[in-house]
């Protein structure tokens, strides 16, 4: 089981009760194991700050470059990363993380030929103005 803890100095990982480093908590007290959390007095330790994902970076760049445009995003049906529908009107999106093709309108994964999803039997259109 993995447990991540926040420290003043660095992010620490504990695996099967073995401490990989000897960190300090937000109160500046040394963390030497799980017993620390019963004696620290701090009930909750903030998670370590993380780097933004590639998708978050792409969305932020798009927002800065196109401040007047509406931000149109959809979660990938496979990996659940936020994906951006950019300036075009194509409703076929490809996830930046797992490269899954999916429909912007219904959110379903597109398997096989893309045109099969956007047929008369489907309520989804391949191109739209939204």
C-alpha atoms as a PDB file:
ATOM      1  CA  UNK A   1       0.000   0.000   0.000  1.00  0.00           C
ATOM      2  CA  UNK A   2       1.329   3.440  -0.939  1.00  0.00           C
ATOM      3  CA  UNK A   3       0.990   6.426   1.353  1.00  0.00           C
ATOM      4  CA  UNK A   4       2.197   9.852   0.406  1.00  0.00           C
ATOM      5  CA  UNK A   5       2.923  12.541   2.959  1.00  0.00           C
ATOM      6  CA  UNK A   6       3.663  16.243   2.737  1.00  0.00           C
ATOM      7  CA  UNK A   7       6.831  17.552   4.261  1.00  0.00           C
ATOM      8  CA  UNK A   8       8.568  20.902   4.385  1.00  0.00           C
ATOM      9  CA  UNK A   9      11.586  19.487   2.561  1.00  0.00           C
ATOM     10  CA  UNK A  10      10.304  16.948   0.067  1.00  0.00           C
ATOM     11  CA  UNK A  11       7.686  14.367  -0.967  1.00  0.00           C
ATOM     12  CA  UNK A  12       8.079  11.051   0.792  1.00  0.00           C
ATOM     13  CA  UNK A  13       6.869   7.570  -0.068  1.00  0.00           C
ATOM     14  CA  UNK A  14       6.331   4.772   2.432  1.00  0.00           C
ATOM     15  CA  UNK A  15       6.103   1.223   1.128  1.00  0.00           C
ATOM     16  CA  UNK A  16       5.191  -1.668   3.417  1.00  0.00           C
ATOM     17  CA  UNK A  17       6.133   0.433   6.460  1.00  0.00           C
ATOM     18  CA  UNK A  18       9.668   1.142   5.261  1.00  0.00           C
ATOM     19  CA  UNK A  19      10.630   4.789   5.240  1.00  0.00           C
ATOM     20  CA  UNK A  20      12.666   5.798   2.206  1.00  0.00           C
ATOM     21  CA  UNK A  21      13.794   9.110   3.736  1.00  0.00           C
ATOM     22  CA  UNK A  22      13.464  10.921   7.050  1.00  0.00           C
ATOM     23  CA  UNK A  23      11.274  13.960   6.305  1.00  0.00           C
ATOM     24  CA  UNK A  24       9.811  16.743   8.400  1.00  0.00           C
ATOM     25  CA  UNK A  25       6.109  17.557   8.686  1.00  0.00           C
ATOM     26  CA  UNK A  26       4.568  21.005   8.234  1.00  0.00           C
ATOM     27  CA  UNK A  27       5.191  21.723  11.914  1.00  0.00           C
ATOM     28  CA  UNK A  28       8.918  21.050  11.442  1.00  0.00           C
ATOM     29  CA  UNK A  29       8.895  17.798  13.398  1.00  0.00           C
ATOM     30  CA  UNK A  30      10.817  14.784  12.094  1.00  0.00           C
ATOM     31  CA  UNK A  31       8.685  11.992  10.668  1.00  0.00           C
ATOM     32  CA  UNK A  32      10.254   8.620  11.440  1.00  0.00           C
ATOM     33  CA  UNK A  33       7.226   6.413  10.760  1.00  0.00           C
ATOM     34  CA  UNK A  34       3.473   6.067  11.123  1.00  0.00           C
ATOM     35  CA  UNK A  35       3.634   6.743  14.883  1.00  0.00           C
ATOM     36  CA  UNK A  36       4.318  10.406  14.090  1.00  0.00           C
ATOM     37  CA  UNK A  37       0.713  11.031  13.143  1.00  0.00           C
ATOM     38  CA  UNK A  38      -0.578  10.070  16.576  1.00  0.00           C
ATOM     39  CA  UNK A  39       1.802  12.484  18.359  1.00  0.00           C
ATOM     40  CA  UNK A  40       2.221  15.388  15.965  1.00  0.00           C
ATOM     41  CA  UNK A  41      -0.949  17.238  16.919  1.00  0.00           C
ATOM     42  CA  UNK A  42      -1.646  17.972  13.256  1.00  0.00           C
ATOM     43  CA  UNK A  43      -4.570  15.752  12.203  1.00  0.00           C
ATOM     44  CA  UNK A  44      -4.248  16.421   8.483  1.00  0.00           C
ATOM     45  CA  UNK A  45      -1.063  16.718   6.458  1.00  0.00           C
ATOM     46  CA  UNK A  46      -1.413  18.474   3.121  1.00  0.00           C
ATOM     47  CA  UNK A  47      -0.467  16.453   0.044  1.00  0.00           C
ATOM     48  CA  UNK A  48       2.760  17.434  -1.648  1.00  0.00           C
ATOM     49  CA  UNK A  49       2.494  20.054  -4.392  1.00  0.00           C
ATOM     50  CA  UNK A  50       2.485  18.470  -7.827  1.00  0.00           C
ATOM     51  CA  UNK A  51       3.421  19.562 -11.298  1.00  0.00           C
ATOM     52  CA  UNK A  52       0.473  20.299 -13.608  1.00  0.00           C
ATOM     53  CA  UNK A  53      -0.380  17.571 -16.115  1.00  0.00           C
ATOM     54  CA  UNK A  54       0.300  18.073 -19.812  1.00  0.00           C
ATOM     55  CA  UNK A  55      -3.452  18.491 -20.313  1.00  0.00           C
ATOM     56  CA  UNK A  56      -3.661  21.217 -17.657  1.00  0.00           C
ATOM     57  CA  UNK A  57      -0.706  22.986 -19.279  1.00  0.00           C
ATOM     58  CA  UNK A  58      -2.313  22.770 -22.734  1.00  0.00           C
ATOM     59  CA  UNK A  59      -5.617  24.127 -21.403  1.00  0.00           C
ATOM     60  CA  UNK A  60      -3.880  27.025 -19.650  1.00  0.00           C
ATOM     61  CA  UNK A  61      -1.922  27.922 -22.821  1.00  0.00           C
ATOM     62  CA  UNK A  62      -5.151  27.802 -24.850  1.00  0.00           C
ATOM     63  CA  UNK A  63      -6.928  30.005 -22.282  1.00  0.00           C
ATOM     64  CA  UNK A  64      -4.134  32.614 -22.440  1.00  0.00           C
ATOM     65  CA  UNK A  65      -3.953  32.558 -26.252  1.00  0.00           C
ATOM     66  CA  UNK A  66      -7.760  32.703 -26.667  1.00  0.00           C
ATOM     67  CA  UNK A  67      -9.132  34.759 -23.758  1.00  0.00           C
ATOM     68  CA  UNK A  68     -12.466  35.485 -25.462  1.00  0.00           C
ATOM     69  CA  UNK A  69     -13.222  31.918 -26.528  1.00  0.00           C
ATOM     70  CA  UNK A  70     -15.307  29.554 -24.447  1.00  0.00           C
ATOM     71  CA  UNK A  71     -13.256  26.730 -22.987  1.00  0.00           C
ATOM     72  CA  UNK A  72     -14.715  23.429 -24.207  1.00  0.00           C
ATOM     73  CA  UNK A  73     -13.417  20.325 -22.441  1.00  0.00           C
ATOM     74  CA  UNK A  74     -14.540  16.731 -21.982  1.00  0.00           C
ATOM     75  CA  UNK A  75     -13.171  13.912 -19.837  1.00  0.00           C
ATOM     76  CA  UNK A  76     -11.626  11.005 -21.705  1.00  0.00           C
ATOM     77  CA  UNK A  77     -13.855   7.920 -21.314  1.00  0.00           C
ATOM     78  CA  UNK A  78     -10.825   5.648 -20.844  1.00  0.00           C
ATOM     79  CA  UNK A  79      -8.330   7.498 -18.598  1.00  0.00           C
ATOM     80  CA  UNK A  80     -10.572  10.367 -17.359  1.00  0.00           C
ATOM     81  CA  UNK A  81      -8.098  13.122 -18.225  1.00  0.00           C
ATOM     82  CA  UNK A  82      -9.553  16.488 -19.217  1.00  0.00           C
ATOM     83  CA  UNK A  83      -9.272  16.991 -22.991  1.00  0.00           C
ATOM     84  CA  UNK A  84      -9.700  20.232 -24.892  1.00  0.00           C
ATOM     85  CA  UNK A  85     -11.813  20.829 -27.974  1.00  0.00           C
ATOM     86  CA  UNK A  86      -9.805  23.502 -29.721  1.00  0.00           C
ATOM     87  CA  UNK A  87     -10.817  26.053 -32.346  1.00  0.00           C
ATOM     88  CA  UNK A  88     -12.186  23.637 -34.928  1.00  0.00           C
ATOM     89  CA  UNK A  89     -15.719  22.302 -35.201  1.00  0.00           C
ATOM     90  CA  UNK A  90     -14.731  18.613 -35.341  1.00  0.00           C
ATOM     91  CA  UNK A  91     -16.422  16.526 -32.630  1.00  0.00           C
ATOM     92  CA  UNK A  92     -13.876  13.699 -32.848  1.00  0.00           C
ATOM     93  CA  UNK A  93     -11.344  14.261 -30.047  1.00  0.00           C
ATOM     94  CA  UNK A  94      -8.156  12.368 -29.281  1.00  0.00           C
ATOM     95  CA  UNK A  95      -7.019  12.176 -25.665  1.00  0.00           C
ATOM     96  CA  UNK A  96      -3.632  13.791 -25.070  1.00  0.00           C
ATOM     97  CA  UNK A  97      -2.726  11.150 -22.440  1.00  0.00           C
ATOM     98  CA  UNK A  98      -3.876   7.739 -23.722  1.00  0.00           C
ATOM     99  CA  UNK A  99      -4.579   8.659 -27.384  1.00  0.00           C
ATOM    100  CA  UNK A 100      -8.131   7.275 -27.236  1.00  0.00           C
ATOM    101  CA  UNK A 101     -10.493   8.666 -29.863  1.00  0.00           C
ATOM    102  CA  UNK A 102     -13.869   9.778 -28.501  1.00  0.00           C
ATOM    103  CA  UNK A 103     -16.927  11.882 -29.328  1.00  0.00           C
ATOM    104  CA  UNK A 104     -17.182  15.394 -27.895  1.00  0.00           C
ATOM    105  CA  UNK A 105     -20.984  15.343 -28.014  1.00  0.00           C
ATOM    106  CA  UNK A 106     -21.791  12.068 -26.232  1.00  0.00           C
ATOM    107  CA  UNK A 107     -18.412  11.341 -24.582  1.00  0.00           C
ATOM    108  CA  UNK A 108     -18.287   7.744 -25.822  1.00  0.00           C
ATOM    109  CA  UNK A 109     -15.096   6.075 -26.996  1.00  0.00           C
ATOM    110  CA  UNK A 110     -14.931   5.684 -30.768  1.00  0.00           C
ATOM    111  CA  UNK A 111     -13.816   2.173 -31.692  1.00  0.00           C
ATOM    112  CA  UNK A 112     -13.202   1.040 -35.234  1.00  0.00           C
ATOM    113  CA  UNK A 113     -13.914   3.387 -38.128  1.00  0.00           C
ATOM    114  CA  UNK A 114     -14.588   6.901 -36.898  1.00  0.00           C
ATOM    115  CA  UNK A 115     -17.268   7.496 -39.531  1.00  0.00           C
ATOM    116  CA  UNK A 116     -19.365   4.630 -38.116  1.00  0.00           C
ATOM    117  CA  UNK A 117     -20.024   6.667 -34.957  1.00  0.00           C
ATOM    118  CA  UNK A 118     -21.163   9.728 -36.898  1.00  0.00           C
ATOM    119  CA  UNK A 119     -23.798   8.005 -39.070  1.00  0.00           C
ATOM    120  CA  UNK A 120     -27.512   8.675 -39.447  1.00  0.00           C
ATOM    121  CA  UNK A 121     -28.238   6.062 -36.744  1.00  0.00           C
ATOM    122  CA  UNK A 122     -26.356   8.199 -34.198  1.00  0.00           C
ATOM    123  CA  UNK A 123     -27.549  11.514 -32.815  1.00  0.00           C
ATOM    124  CA  UNK A 124     -23.937  12.776 -32.919  1.00  0.00           C
ATOM    125  CA  UNK A 125     -22.624  14.829 -35.838  1.00  0.00           C
ATOM    126  CA  UNK A 126     -18.986  14.861 -36.844  1.00  0.00           C
ATOM    127  CA  UNK A 127     -18.961  18.642 -37.201  1.00  0.00           C
ATOM    128  CA  UNK A 128     -20.901  21.266 -35.253  1.00  0.00           C
ATOM    129  CA  UNK A 129     -20.668  24.926 -34.291  1.00  0.00           C
ATOM    130  CA  UNK A 130     -20.646  24.395 -30.517  1.00  0.00           C
END
